[in-house]
Amino acid sequence: MSNFSYEKLWKLLKKKKMKKEDLRLKIQISSATSARLGKNQTVSMEVLGKICEALNCDIGDIVEYKKSENKVR
């Protein structure tokens, strides 16, 4: 399971009145890559860079790293 969350990206898209498909077409990524984003799976820095360029934002505006909670027994 990935520790990355793209919840910030989805909120930003909503704010800009864009759909996930609009973004996918604008930055020319595959449906598979778009699906990885939707599942909070890792994507390349190149893809994240394209998103930042398209939305005029910083990487911290679209992705968040969430630390794992390691429970010690």
N, C-alpha and C. Protein backbone atom coordinates (compact mmCIF):
# COMPACT_ATOMS: atom_id res chain seq x y z
N MET A 1 0.84 -1.18 0.00
CA MET A 1 0.00 0.00 0.00
C MET A 1 0.88 1.25 0.00
N SER A 2 0.51 2.21 -0.79
CA SER A 2 1.27 3.44 -0.91
C SER A 2 0.97 4.40 0.23
N ASN A 3 1.96 5.17 0.59
CA ASN A 3 1.77 6.19 1.63
C ASN A 3 1.48 7.55 1.02
N PHE A 4 1.24 7.59 -0.28
CA PHE A 4 0.96 8.84 -0.96
C PHE A 4 -0.54 9.03 -1.12
N SER A 5 -0.98 10.27 -0.98
CA SER A 5 -2.39 10.60 -1.15
C SER A 5 -2.48 11.76 -2.15
N TYR A 6 -3.39 11.62 -3.10
CA TYR A 6 -3.62 12.67 -4.10
C TYR A 6 -4.92 13.41 -3.81
N GLU A 7 -5.39 13.32 -2.57
CA GLU A 7 -6.64 14.00 -2.18
C GLU A 7 -6.58 15.50 -2.47
N LYS A 8 -5.41 16.09 -2.25
CA LYS A 8 -5.23 17.52 -2.54
C LYS A 8 -5.43 17.81 -4.03
N LEU A 9 -4.99 16.89 -4.88
CA LEU A 9 -5.16 17.05 -6.32
C LEU A 9 -6.63 17.08 -6.68
N TRP A 10 -7.39 16.14 -6.13
CA TRP A 10 -8.82 16.06 -6.46
C TRP A 10 -9.57 17.31 -5.97
N LYS A 11 -9.17 17.82 -4.82
CA LYS A 11 -9.79 19.05 -4.31
C LYS A 11 -9.45 20.24 -5.21
N LEU A 12 -8.20 20.29 -5.68
CA LEU A 12 -7.78 21.37 -6.56
C LEU A 12 -8.52 21.31 -7.89
N LEU A 13 -8.69 20.10 -8.43
CA LEU A 13 -9.44 19.94 -9.68
C LEU A 13 -10.87 20.43 -9.50
N LYS A 14 -11.48 20.06 -8.39
CA LYS A 14 -12.86 20.48 -8.12
C LYS A 14 -12.95 22.00 -8.05
N LYS A 15 -11.97 22.61 -7.39
CA LYS A 15 -11.93 24.06 -7.26
C LYS A 15 -11.82 24.73 -8.63
N LYS A 16 -11.07 24.08 -9.53
CA LYS A 16 -10.87 24.63 -10.88
C LYS A 16 -11.94 24.14 -11.85
N LYS A 17 -12.95 23.44 -11.31
CA LYS A 17 -14.06 22.92 -12.12
C LYS A 17 -13.58 22.03 -13.26
N MET A 18 -12.61 21.18 -12.94
CA MET A 18 -12.07 20.23 -13.91
C MET A 18 -12.39 18.81 -13.45
N LYS A 19 -12.54 17.92 -14.41
CA LYS A 19 -12.73 16.50 -14.12
C LYS A 19 -11.38 15.80 -14.28
N LYS A 20 -11.29 14.60 -13.70
CA LYS A 20 -10.06 13.82 -13.83
C LYS A 20 -9.72 13.58 -15.30
N GLU A 21 -10.75 13.34 -16.10
CA GLU A 21 -10.53 13.08 -17.52
C GLU A 21 -10.01 14.34 -18.23
N ASP A 22 -10.49 15.52 -17.83
CA ASP A 22 -9.98 16.77 -18.40
C ASP A 22 -8.48 16.89 -18.17
N LEU A 23 -8.07 16.60 -16.94
CA LEU A 23 -6.65 16.66 -16.61
C LEU A 23 -5.86 15.62 -17.41
N ARG A 24 -6.39 14.40 -17.46
CA ARG A 24 -5.71 13.33 -18.19
C ARG A 24 -5.43 13.73 -19.64
N LEU A 25 -6.44 14.29 -20.28
CA LEU A 25 -6.29 14.69 -21.68
C LEU A 25 -5.35 15.89 -21.81
N LYS A 26 -5.42 16.83 -20.88
CA LYS A 26 -4.59 18.02 -20.94
C LYS A 26 -3.11 17.70 -20.82
N ILE A 27 -2.77 16.76 -19.93
CA ILE A 27 -1.34 16.45 -19.73
C ILE A 27 -0.90 15.20 -20.51
N GLN A 28 -1.84 14.62 -21.24
CA GLN A 28 -1.56 13.49 -22.12
C GLN A 28 -0.92 12.30 -21.39
N ILE A 29 -1.65 11.81 -20.39
CA ILE A 29 -1.21 10.59 -19.71
C ILE A 29 -2.21 9.48 -20.04
N SER A 30 -1.78 8.26 -19.85
CA SER A 30 -2.63 7.11 -20.16
C SER A 30 -3.72 6.94 -19.11
N SER A 31 -4.73 6.18 -19.50
CA SER A 31 -5.80 5.85 -18.55
C SER A 31 -5.24 5.07 -17.37
N ALA A 32 -4.25 4.24 -17.63
CA ALA A 32 -3.63 3.44 -16.56
C ALA A 32 -2.94 4.35 -15.53
N THR A 33 -2.24 5.36 -16.01
CA THR A 33 -1.58 6.30 -15.09
C THR A 33 -2.62 7.08 -14.30
N SER A 34 -3.68 7.48 -14.98
CA SER A 34 -4.77 8.18 -14.30
C SER A 34 -5.39 7.30 -13.22
N ALA A 35 -5.54 6.02 -13.53
CA ALA A 35 -6.10 5.07 -12.56
C ALA A 35 -5.17 4.93 -11.36
N ARG A 36 -3.86 4.93 -11.59
CA ARG A 36 -2.89 4.85 -10.48
C ARG A 36 -3.06 6.04 -9.54
N LEU A 37 -3.26 7.22 -10.11
CA LEU A 37 -3.50 8.40 -9.28
C LEU A 37 -4.78 8.21 -8.45
N GLY A 38 -5.81 7.69 -9.10
CA GLY A 38 -7.08 7.47 -8.43
C GLY A 38 -7.00 6.47 -7.29
N LYS A 39 -6.02 5.57 -7.37
CA LYS A 39 -5.84 4.54 -6.33
C LYS A 39 -4.74 4.92 -5.33
N ASN A 40 -4.27 6.17 -5.40
CA ASN A 40 -3.19 6.65 -4.53
C ASN A 40 -1.92 5.82 -4.67
N GLN A 41 -1.64 5.37 -5.88
CA GLN A 41 -0.42 4.62 -6.16
C GLN A 41 0.63 5.59 -6.71
N THR A 42 1.88 5.19 -6.64
CA THR A 42 2.95 6.07 -7.10
C THR A 42 2.91 6.25 -8.61
N VAL A 43 3.27 7.45 -9.03
CA VAL A 43 3.45 7.76 -10.45
C VAL A 43 4.81 8.46 -10.57
N SER A 44 5.27 8.63 -11.78
CA SER A 44 6.60 9.22 -11.97
C SER A 44 6.61 10.71 -11.63
N MET A 45 7.79 11.20 -11.33
CA MET A 45 7.96 12.63 -11.08
C MET A 45 7.62 13.42 -12.33
N GLU A 46 7.84 12.82 -13.48
CA GLU A 46 7.50 13.48 -14.75
C GLU A 46 5.99 13.76 -14.81
N VAL A 47 5.19 12.79 -14.40
CA VAL A 47 3.73 12.97 -14.40
C VAL A 47 3.34 14.05 -13.40
N LEU A 48 3.93 14.00 -12.21
CA LEU A 48 3.62 15.02 -11.20
C LEU A 48 4.03 16.41 -11.70
N GLY A 49 5.14 16.48 -12.41
CA GLY A 49 5.58 17.74 -12.98
C GLY A 49 4.60 18.27 -14.02
N LYS A 50 4.08 17.38 -14.86
CA LYS A 50 3.09 17.78 -15.87
C LYS A 50 1.83 18.31 -15.20
N ILE A 51 1.43 17.67 -14.12
CA ILE A 51 0.23 18.12 -13.40
C ILE A 51 0.47 19.52 -12.83
N CYS A 52 1.62 19.72 -12.20
CA CYS A 52 1.96 21.03 -11.62
C CYS A 52 1.97 22.11 -12.70
N GLU A 53 2.54 21.78 -13.84
CA GLU A 53 2.60 22.73 -14.95
C GLU A 53 1.20 23.08 -15.44
N ALA A 54 0.37 22.07 -15.61
CA ALA A 54 -0.99 22.27 -16.13
C ALA A 54 -1.87 23.05 -15.16
N LEU A 55 -1.68 22.82 -13.87
CA LEU A 55 -2.54 23.46 -12.87
C LEU A 55 -1.89 24.69 -12.23
N ASN A 56 -0.67 25.01 -12.69
CA ASN A 56 0.07 26.15 -12.15
C ASN A 56 0.16 26.08 -10.63
N CYS A 57 0.71 24.97 -10.15
CA CYS A 57 0.81 24.76 -8.71
C CYS A 57 2.14 24.10 -8.35
N ASP A 58 2.34 23.87 -7.08
CA ASP A 58 3.54 23.21 -6.57
C ASP A 58 3.20 21.77 -6.24
N ILE A 59 4.19 20.91 -6.18
CA ILE A 59 3.95 19.49 -5.92
C ILE A 59 3.25 19.26 -4.58
N GLY A 60 3.55 20.09 -3.60
CA GLY A 60 2.90 19.98 -2.30
C GLY A 60 1.41 20.31 -2.34
N ASP A 61 0.99 20.95 -3.43
CA ASP A 61 -0.43 21.28 -3.60
C ASP A 61 -1.24 20.11 -4.13
N ILE A 62 -0.55 19.06 -4.60
CA ILE A 62 -1.28 17.95 -5.22
C ILE A 62 -1.04 16.59 -4.58
N VAL A 63 0.06 16.44 -3.87
CA VAL A 63 0.38 15.14 -3.27
C VAL A 63 0.83 15.32 -1.83
N GLU A 64 0.47 14.34 -1.02
CA GLU A 64 0.83 14.37 0.39
C GLU A 64 1.38 13.00 0.78
N TYR A 65 2.43 13.02 1.57
CA TYR A 65 3.00 11.76 2.08
C TYR A 65 2.47 11.54 3.47
N LYS A 66 1.90 10.37 3.67
CA LYS A 66 1.37 10.03 4.98
C LYS A 66 2.21 8.92 5.59
N LYS A 67 2.76 9.20 6.75
CA LYS A 67 3.61 8.21 7.42
C LYS A 67 2.80 6.99 7.84
N SER A 68 3.46 5.85 7.76
CA SER A 68 2.84 4.59 8.20
C SER A 68 2.79 4.60 9.72
N GLU A 69 1.75 4.03 10.24
CA GLU A 69 1.65 3.88 11.69
C GLU A 69 2.12 2.47 12.03
N ASN A 70 3.38 2.37 12.45
CA ASN A 70 3.94 1.08 12.83
C ASN A 70 3.63 0.82 14.30
N LYS A 71 2.83 -0.19 14.52
CA LYS A 71 2.47 -0.51 15.90
C LYS A 71 3.46 -1.52 16.46
N VAL A 72 4.03 -1.18 17.59
CA VAL A 72 4.99 -2.07 18.24
C VAL A 72 4.24 -2.91 19.26
N ARG A 73 4.51 -4.22 19.21
CA ARG A 73 3.80 -5.12 20.15
C ARG A 73 4.66 -5.42 21.34
